[in-house]
């Protein structure tokens, strides 16, 4: 992590397939991308996580991004980083029917 202009630059490295994401936390997660409205699915979170995520979206995001869009950005980033590992483990646990 590196501090620039009172903002923290985040660098994330994943060991297997090294993918790097650089930018401020806000640029990585607190900007609307593809979602214009929330989906039709409900999810359940721990109360403490809901409070933390809501505060982050309000304070760092300037209350300009809804919680569902913030969570979508987090999950999108997670799947980008761990896609190869998820596929590898999925295939290792998937047994052929015949």
Protein backbone atom coordinates (compact mmCIF):
# COMPACT_ATOMS: atom_id res chain seq x y z
CA UNK A 1 0.00 0.00 0.00
CA UNK A 2 1.19 3.45 -0.85
CA UNK A 3 -0.25 6.79 0.24
CA UNK A 4 -0.75 9.38 -2.51
CA UNK A 5 -2.63 12.66 -2.11
CA UNK A 6 -4.22 11.49 1.17
CA UNK A 7 -5.53 8.37 -0.58
CA UNK A 8 -4.21 4.87 -0.15
CA UNK A 9 -3.19 3.02 -3.31
CA UNK A 10 -3.98 -0.66 -3.03
CA UNK A 11 -2.01 -3.38 -4.80
CA UNK A 12 -3.41 -6.90 -4.62
CA UNK A 13 -1.29 -9.86 -5.69
CA UNK A 14 -2.48 -13.44 -6.02
CA UNK A 15 0.25 -16.05 -6.09
CA UNK A 16 -0.95 -18.70 -8.61
CA UNK A 17 -1.80 -16.52 -11.59
CA UNK A 18 -0.40 -13.18 -10.54
CA UNK A 19 -3.00 -10.58 -11.29
CA UNK A 20 -2.53 -7.08 -10.00
CA UNK A 21 -5.17 -4.45 -9.33
CA UNK A 22 -3.97 -0.93 -8.64
CA UNK A 23 -5.85 2.18 -7.69
CA UNK A 24 -7.54 3.71 -4.74
CA UNK A 25 -10.09 1.63 -2.88
CA UNK A 26 -12.80 3.95 -4.15
CA UNK A 27 -11.76 3.49 -7.78
CA UNK A 28 -11.69 -0.28 -7.35
CA UNK A 29 -14.97 -0.78 -5.53
CA UNK A 30 -17.01 2.37 -4.98
CA UNK A 31 -17.94 3.38 -8.51
CA UNK A 32 -21.00 2.17 -10.35
CA UNK A 33 -20.13 -0.07 -13.25
CA UNK A 34 -22.71 -2.28 -14.91
CA UNK A 35 -25.51 -2.43 -12.37
CA UNK A 36 -28.17 0.24 -12.77
CA UNK A 37 -30.57 -1.31 -10.29
CA UNK A 38 -30.56 -4.08 -7.77
CA UNK A 39 -31.35 -7.64 -8.80
CA UNK A 40 -34.29 -9.72 -7.74
CA UNK A 41 -32.33 -11.92 -5.31
CA UNK A 42 -31.94 -11.50 -1.58
CA UNK A 43 -28.83 -12.37 0.38
CA UNK A 44 -28.19 -12.54 4.08
CA UNK A 45 -25.16 -10.98 5.75
CA UNK A 46 -23.87 -10.90 9.26
CA UNK A 47 -25.14 -7.76 10.92
CA UNK A 48 -21.60 -6.56 11.62
CA UNK A 49 -20.65 -6.94 7.92
CA UNK A 50 -23.76 -5.08 6.82
CA UNK A 51 -22.88 -2.22 9.15
CA UNK A 52 -19.24 -2.11 7.97
CA UNK A 53 -20.12 -2.26 4.28
CA UNK A 54 -22.81 0.39 4.68
CA UNK A 55 -20.40 2.74 6.48
CA UNK A 56 -17.71 2.24 3.84
CA UNK A 57 -20.17 2.96 1.03
CA UNK A 58 -21.45 6.04 2.90
CA UNK A 59 -18.14 7.53 4.01
CA UNK A 60 -15.57 6.56 1.38
CA UNK A 61 -18.14 6.37 -1.41
CA UNK A 62 -19.64 9.70 -0.45
CA UNK A 63 -23.06 8.02 -0.19
CA UNK A 64 -23.14 7.92 -4.01
CA UNK A 65 -23.21 4.14 -4.46
CA UNK A 66 -25.88 1.80 -3.10
CA UNK A 67 -24.85 -1.20 -1.06
CA UNK A 68 -25.92 -3.70 -3.73
CA UNK A 69 -23.63 -2.06 -6.34
CA UNK A 70 -20.72 -2.00 -3.87
CA UNK A 71 -21.19 -5.72 -3.14
CA UNK A 72 -21.41 -6.45 -6.87
CA UNK A 73 -18.03 -4.71 -7.37
CA UNK A 74 -16.46 -6.69 -4.51
CA UNK A 75 -17.73 -10.00 -5.90
CA UNK A 76 -16.68 -9.13 -9.44
CA UNK A 77 -13.15 -8.37 -8.22
CA UNK A 78 -13.08 -11.57 -6.15
CA UNK A 79 -14.07 -13.72 -9.15
CA UNK A 80 -11.53 -11.96 -11.39
CA UNK A 81 -8.74 -12.68 -8.90
CA UNK A 82 -9.65 -16.24 -8.04
CA UNK A 83 -11.27 -17.51 -11.24
CA UNK A 84 -8.50 -19.97 -12.12
CA UNK A 85 -8.31 -21.35 -8.58
CA UNK A 86 -12.11 -21.72 -8.34
CA UNK A 87 -12.26 -23.55 -11.69
CA UNK A 88 -9.36 -25.82 -10.71
CA UNK A 89 -10.94 -26.78 -7.38
CA UNK A 90 -14.40 -27.14 -8.94
CA UNK A 91 -13.06 -29.53 -11.57
CA UNK A 92 -11.09 -31.49 -8.94
CA UNK A 93 -14.29 -32.02 -6.96
CA UNK A 94 -16.54 -32.72 -9.93
CA UNK A 95 -16.74 -36.43 -10.57
CA UNK A 96 -18.03 -37.73 -13.94
CA UNK A 97 -21.42 -39.43 -13.80
CA UNK A 98 -20.22 -42.48 -15.81
